[in-house]
C-alpha atoms as a PDB file:
ATOM      1  CA  UNK A   1      -1.441  -4.453 -17.844  1.00  0.00           C
ATOM      2  CA  UNK A   2      -4.652  -5.954 -16.528  1.00  0.00           C
ATOM      3  CA  UNK A   3      -7.026  -3.472 -14.926  1.00  0.00           C
ATOM      4  CA  UNK A   4      -7.592  -4.356 -11.277  1.00  0.00           C
ATOM      5  CA  UNK A   5     -10.306  -3.234  -8.920  1.00  0.00           C
ATOM      6  CA  UNK A   6      -9.056  -0.142  -7.122  1.00  0.00           C
ATOM      7  CA  UNK A   7      -9.889  -1.444  -3.649  1.00  0.00           C
ATOM      8  CA  UNK A   8      -7.157  -3.376  -1.816  1.00  0.00           C
ATOM      9  CA  UNK A   9      -8.347  -5.120   1.349  1.00  0.00           C
ATOM     10  CA  UNK A  10      -5.837  -5.272   4.198  1.00  0.00           C
ATOM     11  CA  UNK A  11      -5.914  -8.677   5.858  1.00  0.00           C
ATOM     12  CA  UNK A  12      -5.456  -7.335   9.388  1.00  0.00           C
ATOM     13  CA  UNK A  13      -6.226 -10.680  11.030  1.00  0.00           C
ATOM     14  CA  UNK A  14      -4.154 -12.991  13.263  1.00  0.00           C
ATOM     15  CA  UNK A  15      -4.183 -16.278  11.334  1.00  0.00           C
ATOM     16  CA  UNK A  16      -3.844 -17.602   7.813  1.00  0.00           C
ATOM     17  CA  UNK A  17      -7.132 -19.487   8.151  1.00  0.00           C
ATOM     18  CA  UNK A  18      -9.004 -16.287   8.864  1.00  0.00           C
ATOM     19  CA  UNK A  19      -7.174 -14.458   6.084  1.00  0.00           C
ATOM     20  CA  UNK A  20      -8.137 -17.115   3.538  1.00  0.00           C
ATOM     21  CA  UNK A  21     -11.771 -16.992   4.691  1.00  0.00           C
ATOM     22  CA  UNK A  22     -11.821 -13.247   4.031  1.00  0.00           C
ATOM     23  CA  UNK A  23     -10.283 -13.685   0.581  1.00  0.00           C
ATOM     24  CA  UNK A  24     -12.933 -16.262  -0.299  1.00  0.00           C
ATOM     25  CA  UNK A  25     -15.719 -14.106   1.128  1.00  0.00           C
ATOM     26  CA  UNK A  26     -14.743 -10.932  -0.733  1.00  0.00           C
ATOM     27  CA  UNK A  27     -13.389 -12.440  -3.932  1.00  0.00           C
ATOM     28  CA  UNK A  28     -16.353 -11.295  -6.014  1.00  0.00           C
ATOM     29  CA  UNK A  29     -15.380  -7.641  -5.502  1.00  0.00           C
ATOM     30  CA  UNK A  30     -11.670  -7.562  -4.620  1.00  0.00           C
ATOM     31  CA  UNK A  31      -8.645  -8.514  -6.746  1.00  0.00           C
ATOM     32  CA  UNK A  32      -5.747  -7.590  -4.440  1.00  0.00           C
ATOM     33  CA  UNK A  33      -5.262  -8.333  -0.736  1.00  0.00           C
ATOM     34  CA  UNK A  34      -2.636  -6.792   1.516  1.00  0.00           C
ATOM     35  CA  UNK A  35      -0.476  -8.956   3.754  1.00  0.00           C
ATOM     36  CA  UNK A  36       1.421  -6.968   6.372  1.00  0.00           C
ATOM     37  CA  UNK A  37       4.538  -7.856   8.377  1.00  0.00           C
ATOM     38  CA  UNK A  38       2.754  -9.367  11.386  1.00  0.00           C
ATOM     39  CA  UNK A  39       0.676 -11.799   9.354  1.00  0.00           C
ATOM     40  CA  UNK A  40       3.580 -12.598   7.033  1.00  0.00           C
ATOM     41  CA  UNK A  41       5.889 -13.410   9.959  1.00  0.00           C
ATOM     42  CA  UNK A  42       3.264 -15.756  11.355  1.00  0.00           C
ATOM     43  CA  UNK A  43       2.247 -17.503   8.139  1.00  0.00           C
ATOM     44  CA  UNK A  44       5.178 -17.059   5.764  1.00  0.00           C
ATOM     45  CA  UNK A  45       4.993 -17.891   2.088  1.00  0.00           C
ATOM     46  CA  UNK A  46       2.178 -20.420   2.532  1.00  0.00           C
ATOM     47  CA  UNK A  47      -0.454 -17.698   2.877  1.00  0.00           C
ATOM     48  CA  UNK A  48       0.738 -15.972  -0.274  1.00  0.00           C
ATOM     49  CA  UNK A  49       0.489 -19.266  -2.129  1.00  0.00           C
ATOM     50  CA  UNK A  50      -3.025 -19.855  -0.784  1.00  0.00           C
ATOM     51  CA  UNK A  51      -4.213 -16.411  -1.893  1.00  0.00           C
ATOM     52  CA  UNK A  52      -2.719 -16.846  -5.353  1.00  0.00           C
ATOM     53  CA  UNK A  53      -4.325 -20.281  -5.676  1.00  0.00           C
ATOM     54  CA  UNK A  54      -7.659 -18.519  -5.171  1.00  0.00           C
ATOM     55  CA  UNK A  55      -6.858 -16.380  -8.213  1.00  0.00           C
ATOM     56  CA  UNK A  56      -6.051 -13.225  -6.260  1.00  0.00           C
ATOM     57  CA  UNK A  57      -3.035 -10.945  -6.061  1.00  0.00           C
ATOM     58  CA  UNK A  58      -0.944 -10.127  -2.983  1.00  0.00           C
ATOM     59  CA  UNK A  59       0.283  -6.710  -1.927  1.00  0.00           C
ATOM     60  CA  UNK A  60       3.154  -7.628   0.429  1.00  0.00           C
ATOM     61  CA  UNK A  61       3.469  -4.600   2.685  1.00  0.00           C
ATOM     62  CA  UNK A  62       6.817  -5.193   4.421  1.00  0.00           C
ATOM     63  CA  UNK A  63       8.095  -1.594   4.218  1.00  0.00           C
ATOM     64  CA  UNK A  64      11.694  -2.663   3.641  1.00  0.00           C
ATOM     65  CA  UNK A  65      14.393  -0.306   4.921  1.00  0.00           C
ATOM     66  CA  UNK A  66      17.997  -1.525   5.054  1.00  0.00           C
ATOM     67  CA  UNK A  67      21.279  -1.299   3.194  1.00  0.00           C
ATOM     68  CA  UNK A  68      20.874  -1.506  -0.615  1.00  0.00           C
ATOM     69  CA  UNK A  69      22.088  -5.094  -1.063  1.00  0.00           C
ATOM     70  CA  UNK A  70      19.762  -6.442   1.638  1.00  0.00           C
ATOM     71  CA  UNK A  71      16.718  -4.670   0.198  1.00  0.00           C
ATOM     72  CA  UNK A  72      17.583  -5.824  -3.320  1.00  0.00           C
ATOM     73  CA  UNK A  73      17.837  -9.435  -2.125  1.00  0.00           C
ATOM     74  CA  UNK A  74      14.506  -9.171  -0.296  1.00  0.00           C
ATOM     75  CA  UNK A  75      12.921  -7.712  -3.436  1.00  0.00           C
ATOM     76  CA  UNK A  76      14.174 -10.661  -5.464  1.00  0.00           C
ATOM     77  CA  UNK A  77      12.859 -13.116  -2.871  1.00  0.00           C
ATOM     78  CA  UNK A  78       9.444 -11.429  -2.946  1.00  0.00           C
ATOM     79  CA  UNK A  79       9.476 -11.805  -6.711  1.00  0.00           C
ATOM     80  CA  UNK A  80      10.014 -15.558  -6.398  1.00  0.00           C
ATOM     81  CA  UNK A  81       6.821 -15.708  -4.303  1.00  0.00           C
ATOM     82  CA  UNK A  82       4.833 -14.209  -7.147  1.00  0.00           C
ATOM     83  CA  UNK A  83       3.506 -11.230  -5.220  1.00  0.00           C
ATOM     84  CA  UNK A  84       1.933  -8.388  -7.163  1.00  0.00           C
ATOM     85  CA  UNK A  85       3.536  -5.539  -5.230  1.00  0.00           C
ATOM     86  CA  UNK A  86       5.987  -4.856  -2.426  1.00  0.00           C
ATOM     87  CA  UNK A  87       6.709  -1.798  -0.288  1.00  0.00           C
ATOM     88  CA  UNK A  88       9.984  -0.234   0.765  1.00  0.00           C
ATOM     89  CA  UNK A  89      10.707   2.984   2.643  1.00  0.00           C
ATOM     90  CA  UNK A  90      11.699   5.628   0.109  1.00  0.00           C
ATOM     91  CA  UNK A  91      13.571   7.410   2.907  1.00  0.00           C
ATOM     92  CA  UNK A  92      16.143   4.599   2.642  1.00  0.00           C
ATOM     93  CA  UNK A  93      17.755   6.778   0.000  1.00  0.00           C
ATOM     94  CA  UNK A  94      18.384   6.798  -3.740  1.00  0.00           C
ATOM     95  CA  UNK A  95      20.873   3.922  -3.869  1.00  0.00           C
ATOM     96  CA  UNK A  96      18.669   1.596  -1.842  1.00  0.00           C
ATOM     97  CA  UNK A  97      15.646   2.419  -3.995  1.00  0.00           C
ATOM     98  CA  UNK A  98      17.579   2.123  -7.256  1.00  0.00           C
ATOM     99  CA  UNK A  99      19.103  -1.258  -6.367  1.00  0.00           C
ATOM    100  CA  UNK A 100      15.661  -2.653  -5.561  1.00  0.00           C
ATOM    101  CA  UNK A 101      14.180  -1.238  -8.761  1.00  0.00           C
ATOM    102  CA  UNK A 102      16.965  -2.833 -10.822  1.00  0.00           C
ATOM    103  CA  UNK A 103      16.018  -6.344  -9.670  1.00  0.00           C
ATOM    104  CA  UNK A 104      14.608  -8.374 -12.565  1.00  0.00           C
ATOM    105  CA  UNK A 105      12.102  -9.895 -12.438  1.00  0.00           C
ATOM    106  CA  UNK A 106      10.487  -8.212  -9.468  1.00  0.00           C
ATOM    107  CA  UNK A 107       7.080  -7.199  -8.096  1.00  0.00           C
ATOM    108  CA  UNK A 108       5.684  -3.714  -8.523  1.00  0.00           C
ATOM    109  CA  UNK A 109       7.614  -1.547  -6.077  1.00  0.00           C
ATOM    110  CA  UNK A 110       5.669   1.054  -4.110  1.00  0.00           C
ATOM    111  CA  UNK A 111       7.633   3.460  -1.943  1.00  0.00           C
ATOM    112  CA  UNK A 112       6.361   4.378   1.507  1.00  0.00           C
ATOM    113  CA  UNK A 113       6.599   8.154   1.915  1.00  0.00           C
ATOM    114  CA  UNK A 114       5.212   9.464   5.234  1.00  0.00           C
ATOM    115  CA  UNK A 115       3.107   7.039   7.258  1.00  0.00           C
ATOM    116  CA  UNK A 116      -0.510   8.125   7.596  1.00  0.00           C
ATOM    117  CA  UNK A 117      -0.143   7.712  11.366  1.00  0.00           C
ATOM    118  CA  UNK A 118       2.237  10.716  11.405  1.00  0.00           C
ATOM    119  CA  UNK A 119       1.518  14.436  11.359  1.00  0.00           C
ATOM    120  CA  UNK A 120       3.725  17.531  11.199  1.00  0.00           C
ATOM    121  CA  UNK A 121       4.556  17.406  14.897  1.00  0.00           C
ATOM    122  CA  UNK A 122       5.659  13.789  14.636  1.00  0.00           C
ATOM    123  CA  UNK A 123       7.941  14.624  11.706  1.00  0.00           C
ATOM    124  CA  UNK A 124       9.608  17.419  13.652  1.00  0.00           C
ATOM    125  CA  UNK A 125      10.333  15.030  16.513  1.00  0.00           C
ATOM    126  CA  UNK A 126      12.330  12.769  14.187  1.00  0.00           C
ATOM    127  CA  UNK A 127      14.240  15.652  12.651  1.00  0.00           C
ATOM    128  CA  UNK A 128      12.173  16.315   9.527  1.00  0.00           C
ATOM    129  CA  UNK A 129      11.339  20.007   9.178  1.00  0.00           C
ATOM    130  CA  UNK A 130       9.184  19.664   6.073  1.00  0.00           C
ATOM    131  CA  UNK A 131       5.418  19.663   6.361  1.00  0.00           C
ATOM    132  CA  UNK A 132       3.940  16.234   5.516  1.00  0.00           C
ATOM    133  CA  UNK A 133       2.937  17.167   1.967  1.00  0.00           C
ATOM    134  CA  UNK A 134       6.336  18.621   1.108  1.00  0.00           C
ATOM    135  CA  UNK A 135       8.103  15.575   2.518  1.00  0.00           C
ATOM    136  CA  UNK A 136       5.783  13.169   0.697  1.00  0.00           C
ATOM    137  CA  UNK A 137       6.255  14.928  -2.642  1.00  0.00           C
ATOM    138  CA  UNK A 138      10.048  15.031  -2.222  1.00  0.00           C
ATOM    139  CA  UNK A 139      10.169  11.301  -1.485  1.00  0.00           C
ATOM    140  CA  UNK A 140       7.761  10.503  -4.322  1.00  0.00           C
ATOM    141  CA  UNK A 141       9.944  12.411  -6.761  1.00  0.00           C
ATOM    142  CA  UNK A 142      13.031  10.573  -5.515  1.00  0.00           C
ATOM    143  CA  UNK A 143      11.238   7.258  -5.936  1.00  0.00           C
ATOM    144  CA  UNK A 144      10.132   8.019  -9.481  1.00  0.00           C
ATOM    145  CA  UNK A 145      13.634   9.135 -10.463  1.00  0.00           C
ATOM    146  CA  UNK A 146      15.129   5.902  -9.086  1.00  0.00           C
ATOM    147  CA  UNK A 147      12.695   3.570 -10.833  1.00  0.00           C
ATOM    148  CA  UNK A 148       9.806   2.910  -8.442  1.00  0.00           C
ATOM    149  CA  UNK A 149       6.399   2.102  -9.894  1.00  0.00           C
ATOM    150  CA  UNK A 150       4.545   4.238  -7.375  1.00  0.00           C
ATOM    151  CA  UNK A 151       4.250   5.388  -3.789  1.00  0.00           C
ATOM    152  CA  UNK A 152       2.054   4.985  -0.746  1.00  0.00           C
ATOM    153  CA  UNK A 153       0.762   8.288   0.615  1.00  0.00           C
ATOM    154  CA  UNK A 154      -2.344   9.789   2.139  1.00  0.00           C
ATOM    155  CA  UNK A 155      -5.153  11.163  -0.010  1.00  0.00           C
ATOM    156  CA  UNK A 156      -4.187  14.691   1.047  1.00  0.00           C
ATOM    157  CA  UNK A 157      -0.946  14.427  -0.933  1.00  0.00           C
ATOM    158  CA  UNK A 158      -2.211  12.524  -3.967  1.00  0.00           C
ATOM    159  CA  UNK A 159      -2.887  15.549  -6.190  1.00  0.00           C
ATOM    160  CA  UNK A 160       0.516  17.061  -5.466  1.00  0.00           C
ATOM    161  CA  UNK A 161       2.195  13.746  -6.309  1.00  0.00           C
ATOM    162  CA  UNK A 162       0.305  13.622  -9.596  1.00  0.00           C
ATOM    163  CA  UNK A 163       1.496  17.114 -10.521  1.00  0.00           C
ATOM    164  CA  UNK A 164       5.141  16.228  -9.912  1.00  0.00           C
ATOM    165  CA  UNK A 165       5.285  12.548 -10.942  1.00  0.00           C
ATOM    166  CA  UNK A 166       2.685  12.269 -13.706  1.00  0.00           C
ATOM    167  CA  UNK A 167      -0.270  10.065 -14.494  1.00  0.00           C
ATOM    168  CA  UNK A 168       1.623   6.782 -14.980  1.00  0.00           C
ATOM    169  CA  UNK A 169       3.098   6.840 -11.482  1.00  0.00           C
ATOM    170  CA  UNK A 170       0.890   4.762  -9.176  1.00  0.00           C
ATOM    171  CA  UNK A 171      -0.533   6.393  -6.046  1.00  0.00           C
ATOM    172  CA  UNK A 172      -1.753   4.043  -3.308  1.00  0.00           C
ATOM    173  CA  UNK A 173      -3.712   5.619  -0.467  1.00  0.00           C
ATOM    174  CA  UNK A 174      -4.267   4.040   2.959  1.00  0.00           C
ATOM    175  CA  UNK A 175      -6.019   5.875   5.795  1.00  0.00           C
ATOM    176  CA  UNK A 176      -9.423   5.428   4.149  1.00  0.00           C
ATOM    177  CA  UNK A 177     -12.306   5.769   6.581  1.00  0.00           C
ATOM    178  CA  UNK A 178     -16.077   5.751   6.253  1.00  0.00           C
ATOM    179  CA  UNK A 179     -16.657   7.748   9.450  1.00  0.00           C
ATOM    180  CA  UNK A 180     -14.916  10.317  11.620  1.00  0.00           C
ATOM    181  CA  UNK A 181     -13.063   7.611  13.559  1.00  0.00           C
ATOM    182  CA  UNK A 182      -9.575   7.369  12.086  1.00  0.00           C
ATOM    183  CA  UNK A 183      -8.166   5.046  14.741  1.00  0.00           C
ATOM    184  CA  UNK A 184      -4.354   5.302  14.685  1.00  0.00           C
ATOM    185  CA  UNK A 185      -4.442   7.145  11.392  1.00  0.00           C
ATOM    186  CA  UNK A 186      -4.034  10.933  11.516  1.00  0.00           C
ATOM    187  CA  UNK A 187      -4.260  11.808   7.817  1.00  0.00           C
ATOM    188  CA  UNK A 188      -7.497  10.137   6.734  1.00  0.00           C
ATOM    189  CA  UNK A 189     -10.040  10.591   3.946  1.00  0.00           C
ATOM    190  CA  UNK A 190     -13.100   9.008   2.394  1.00  0.00           C
ATOM    191  CA  UNK A 191     -13.185   6.809  -0.731  1.00  0.00           C
ATOM    192  CA  UNK A 192     -14.823   9.698  -2.579  1.00  0.00           C
ATOM    193  CA  UNK A 193     -11.942  11.963  -1.587  1.00  0.00           C
ATOM    194  CA  UNK A 194      -9.468   9.366  -2.862  1.00  0.00           C
ATOM    195  CA  UNK A 195     -11.181   9.150  -6.238  1.00  0.00           C
ATOM    196  CA  UNK A 196     -11.296  12.930  -6.589  1.00  0.00           C
ATOM    197  CA  UNK A 197      -7.597  13.179  -5.728  1.00  0.00           C
ATOM    198  CA  UNK A 198      -6.663  10.670  -8.442  1.00  0.00           C
ATOM    199  CA  UNK A 199      -5.600   7.716  -6.306  1.00  0.00           C
ATOM    200  CA  UNK A 200      -5.060   4.508  -8.261  1.00  0.00           C
ATOM    201  CA  UNK A 201      -5.665   2.180  -5.300  1.00  0.00           C
ATOM    202  CA  UNK A 202      -7.092   2.579  -1.811  1.00  0.00           C
ATOM    203  CA  UNK A 203      -6.220   0.272   1.067  1.00  0.00           C
ATOM    204  CA  UNK A 204      -8.955  -0.515   3.590  1.00  0.00           C
ATOM    205  CA  UNK A 205      -8.811  -2.961   6.488  1.00  0.00           C
ATOM    206  CA  UNK A 206     -10.736  -2.597   9.723  1.00  0.00           C
ATOM    207  CA  UNK A 207     -13.657  -0.555   8.321  1.00  0.00           C
ATOM    208  CA  UNK A 208     -14.457  -3.661   6.255  1.00  0.00           C
ATOM    209  CA  UNK A 209     -13.355  -6.469   8.555  1.00  0.00           C
ATOM    210  CA  UNK A 210     -15.136  -5.036  11.602  1.00  0.00           C
ATOM    211  CA  UNK A 211     -18.334  -4.059   9.792  1.00  0.00           C
ATOM    212  CA  UNK A 212     -21.675  -5.717  10.498  1.00  0.00           C
ATOM    213  CA  UNK A 213     -22.103  -6.231   6.755  1.00  0.00           C
ATOM    214  CA  UNK A 214     -18.609  -6.324   5.181  1.00  0.00           C
ATOM    215  CA  UNK A 215     -19.953  -7.084   1.714  1.00  0.00           C
ATOM    216  CA  UNK A 216     -22.130  -3.972   1.794  1.00  0.00           C
ATOM    217  CA  UNK A 217     -19.151  -1.847   2.823  1.00  0.00           C
ATOM    218  CA  UNK A 218     -17.032  -3.274   0.007  1.00  0.00           C
ATOM    219  CA  UNK A 219     -19.794  -2.583  -2.511  1.00  0.00           C
ATOM    220  CA  UNK A 220     -20.108   0.982  -1.233  1.00  0.00           C
ATOM    221  CA  UNK A 221     -16.377   1.593  -1.573  1.00  0.00           C
ATOM    222  CA  UNK A 222     -16.106   0.071  -5.046  1.00  0.00           C
ATOM    223  CA  UNK A 223     -19.070   2.182  -6.220  1.00  0.00           C
ATOM    224  CA  UNK A 224     -17.407   5.303  -4.810  1.00  0.00           C
ATOM    225  CA  UNK A 225     -14.200   4.502  -6.682  1.00  0.00           C
ATOM    226  CA  UNK A 226     -15.815   3.551  -9.983  1.00  0.00           C
END
């Protein structure tokens, strides 16, 4: 498989025009751009086509979670759009995950484990008694056993995932910050931390898009990950 830059830029912007401008602006350093549910609902498949026409890949972060047949159909539809990767909630269970993984052809499937906006107290409130790391590792192991290509988890859990799931299982880490301000994220880390933990990809949005010099921030992150 082609080796991609390890930085994925999240297009956390309101319009397709602005998203395309960011792709063009950062194309010298970034291979993969994340499109989340809000932007996808507004722009639909046209934005994905525009990004791919610029020679870039799309990480479609829809976090699917439904009955197995619905998630499998959505996975197939994402494949027809030519996206590089797609997310689903691993907590949807083994059958849901397996049915999606059996779709052929399909994008890379990355399972969402525990959102980086959640901590141990939040998990207890929704009935999960595991600490975040234990829950993440359990869901990562389930995902690997059912055919996922990787998982999305915080940097704090990346090493534990590696120990259980092996080197070939992709670990994607959001919650990357360059300062103490984590915003909505509660389990955050630096790009250097992500590299040390063995993350394959890091996802960064606002720290780049809101920077005075976005190109300088991108260069700093890519150097840290090299």
